Amino acid sequence: MKKNFALRVDSEIYDAIEKWAADEFRSANGQIEWILAEALKKAKRYPKKKEQ
């Protein structure tokens, strides 16, 4: 399940994220989600999937 929340980002940072996203055929939102997931993995804090 995905949660919605407001995020304030400097316009120059957002522009850079939009360009990066376009280069990788993602939306800006998808790019931000990917960046956060990669940072969590690198920090070994990525949540483990629950078994069903």
N, C-alpha and C. Protein backbone atom coordinates (compact mmCIF):
# COMPACT_ATOMS: atom_id res chain seq x y z
N MET A 1 0.84 -1.18 0.00
CA MET A 1 0.00 0.00 0.00
C MET A 1 0.89 1.25 0.00
N LYS A 2 0.54 2.19 -0.81
CA LYS A 2 1.31 3.44 -0.87
C LYS A 2 0.59 4.52 -0.09
N LYS A 3 1.37 5.37 0.55
CA LYS A 3 0.81 6.49 1.32
C LYS A 3 1.11 7.79 0.62
N ASN A 4 0.20 8.72 0.71
CA ASN A 4 0.40 10.06 0.15
C ASN A 4 0.87 11.00 1.25
N PHE A 5 1.78 11.91 0.88
CA PHE A 5 2.19 12.96 1.80
C PHE A 5 2.77 14.11 0.99
N ALA A 6 2.72 15.29 1.60
CA ALA A 6 3.26 16.47 0.93
C ALA A 6 4.77 16.53 1.17
N LEU A 7 5.49 16.94 0.14
CA LEU A 7 6.94 17.05 0.25
C LEU A 7 7.36 18.38 -0.36
N ARG A 8 8.03 19.19 0.42
CA ARG A 8 8.54 20.46 -0.10
C ARG A 8 10.00 20.28 -0.46
N VAL A 9 10.33 20.64 -1.69
CA VAL A 9 11.69 20.48 -2.20
C VAL A 9 12.08 21.76 -2.92
N ASP A 10 13.32 22.16 -2.77
CA ASP A 10 13.85 23.31 -3.48
C ASP A 10 13.61 23.12 -4.98
N SER A 11 13.24 24.19 -5.67
CA SER A 11 12.89 24.09 -7.09
C SER A 11 14.05 23.58 -7.94
N GLU A 12 15.27 23.94 -7.62
CA GLU A 12 16.43 23.46 -8.40
C GLU A 12 16.62 21.95 -8.21
N ILE A 13 16.39 21.47 -6.99
CA ILE A 13 16.50 20.03 -6.73
C ILE A 13 15.40 19.30 -7.49
N TYR A 14 14.18 19.83 -7.44
CA TYR A 14 13.07 19.19 -8.15
C TYR A 14 13.33 19.15 -9.65
N ASP A 15 13.84 20.23 -10.20
CA ASP A 15 14.16 20.27 -11.64
C ASP A 15 15.18 19.19 -11.99
N ALA A 16 16.19 19.01 -11.13
CA ALA A 16 17.21 17.99 -11.37
C ALA A 16 16.59 16.59 -11.29
N ILE A 17 15.67 16.38 -10.34
CA ILE A 17 15.00 15.09 -10.21
C ILE A 17 14.14 14.82 -11.44
N GLU A 18 13.42 15.84 -11.92
CA GLU A 18 12.60 15.68 -13.12
C GLU A 18 13.44 15.29 -14.33
N LYS A 19 14.60 15.93 -14.49
CA LYS A 19 15.48 15.61 -15.62
C LYS A 19 16.01 14.18 -15.49
N TRP A 20 16.46 13.82 -14.30
CA TRP A 20 16.97 12.47 -14.05
C TRP A 20 15.87 11.45 -14.33
N ALA A 21 14.65 11.73 -13.86
CA ALA A 21 13.52 10.83 -14.09
C ALA A 21 13.25 10.65 -15.58
N ALA A 22 13.25 11.74 -16.32
CA ALA A 22 13.01 11.67 -17.76
C ALA A 22 14.09 10.83 -18.44
N ASP A 23 15.33 10.98 -18.00
CA ASP A 23 16.43 10.19 -18.57
C ASP A 23 16.23 8.70 -18.36
N GLU A 24 15.52 8.32 -17.28
CA GLU A 24 15.30 6.91 -16.94
C GLU A 24 13.86 6.48 -17.18
N PHE A 25 13.10 7.30 -17.92
CA PHE A 25 11.71 6.98 -18.27
C PHE A 25 10.84 6.72 -17.05
N ARG A 26 11.01 7.55 -16.02
CA ARG A 26 10.19 7.48 -14.82
C ARG A 26 9.51 8.83 -14.63
N SER A 27 8.48 8.84 -13.78
CA SER A 27 7.89 10.11 -13.35
C SER A 27 8.78 10.68 -12.25
N ALA A 28 8.61 11.95 -11.94
CA ALA A 28 9.37 12.55 -10.84
C ALA A 28 9.04 11.81 -9.54
N ASN A 29 7.76 11.48 -9.34
CA ASN A 29 7.35 10.77 -8.14
C ASN A 29 8.03 9.39 -8.08
N GLY A 30 8.04 8.68 -9.19
CA GLY A 30 8.69 7.38 -9.25
C GLY A 30 10.19 7.48 -8.98
N GLN A 31 10.80 8.55 -9.47
CA GLN A 31 12.24 8.75 -9.26
C GLN A 31 12.53 9.01 -7.79
N ILE A 32 11.71 9.84 -7.15
CA ILE A 32 11.90 10.12 -5.72
C ILE A 32 11.74 8.83 -4.91
N GLU A 33 10.74 8.02 -5.26
CA GLU A 33 10.54 6.75 -4.56
C GLU A 33 11.75 5.84 -4.76
N TRP A 34 12.29 5.78 -5.98
CA TRP A 34 13.47 4.95 -6.26
C TRP A 34 14.69 5.46 -5.47
N ILE A 35 14.90 6.79 -5.44
CA ILE A 35 16.03 7.37 -4.70
C ILE A 35 15.93 7.00 -3.22
N LEU A 36 14.73 7.13 -2.66
CA LEU A 36 14.55 6.80 -1.24
C LEU A 36 14.79 5.32 -0.98
N ALA A 37 14.28 4.45 -1.85
CA ALA A 37 14.48 3.01 -1.68
C ALA A 37 15.96 2.65 -1.75
N GLU A 38 16.68 3.25 -2.71
CA GLU A 38 18.12 2.98 -2.83
C GLU A 38 18.88 3.45 -1.59
N ALA A 39 18.52 4.61 -1.07
CA ALA A 39 19.17 5.13 0.14
C ALA A 39 18.91 4.21 1.33
N LEU A 40 17.67 3.71 1.44
CA LEU A 40 17.34 2.78 2.53
C LEU A 40 18.12 1.48 2.40
N LYS A 41 18.25 0.97 1.19
CA LYS A 41 19.02 -0.26 0.97
C LYS A 41 20.49 -0.05 1.34
N LYS A 42 21.05 1.06 0.90
CA LYS A 42 22.45 1.36 1.19
C LYS A 42 22.70 1.47 2.69
N ALA A 43 21.73 2.02 3.42
CA ALA A 43 21.86 2.18 4.87
C ALA A 43 21.43 0.91 5.62
N LYS A 44 21.07 -0.14 4.85
CA LYS A 44 20.59 -1.40 5.43
C LYS A 44 19.37 -1.17 6.32
N ARG A 45 18.48 -0.30 5.87
CA ARG A 45 17.25 0.00 6.61
C ARG A 45 16.01 -0.27 5.76
N TYR A 46 16.20 -0.89 4.62
CA TYR A 46 15.06 -1.19 3.75
C TYR A 46 14.17 -2.22 4.43
N PRO A 47 12.87 -1.97 4.53
CA PRO A 47 12.00 -2.92 5.24
C PRO A 47 11.91 -4.26 4.52
N LYS A 48 11.91 -5.31 5.31
CA LYS A 48 11.77 -6.66 4.74
C LYS A 48 10.31 -6.89 4.41
N LYS A 49 10.08 -7.61 3.32
CA LYS A 49 8.71 -7.94 2.90
C LYS A 49 8.13 -8.97 3.88
N LYS A 50 6.88 -8.76 4.25
CA LYS A 50 6.19 -9.71 5.12
C LYS A 50 5.73 -10.91 4.30
N GLU A 51 5.91 -12.11 4.84
CA GLU A 51 5.43 -13.31 4.16
C GLU A 51 3.93 -13.42 4.37
N GLN A 52 3.22 -13.82 3.31
CA GLN A 52 1.77 -13.95 3.43
C GLN A 52 1.35 -15.37 3.61
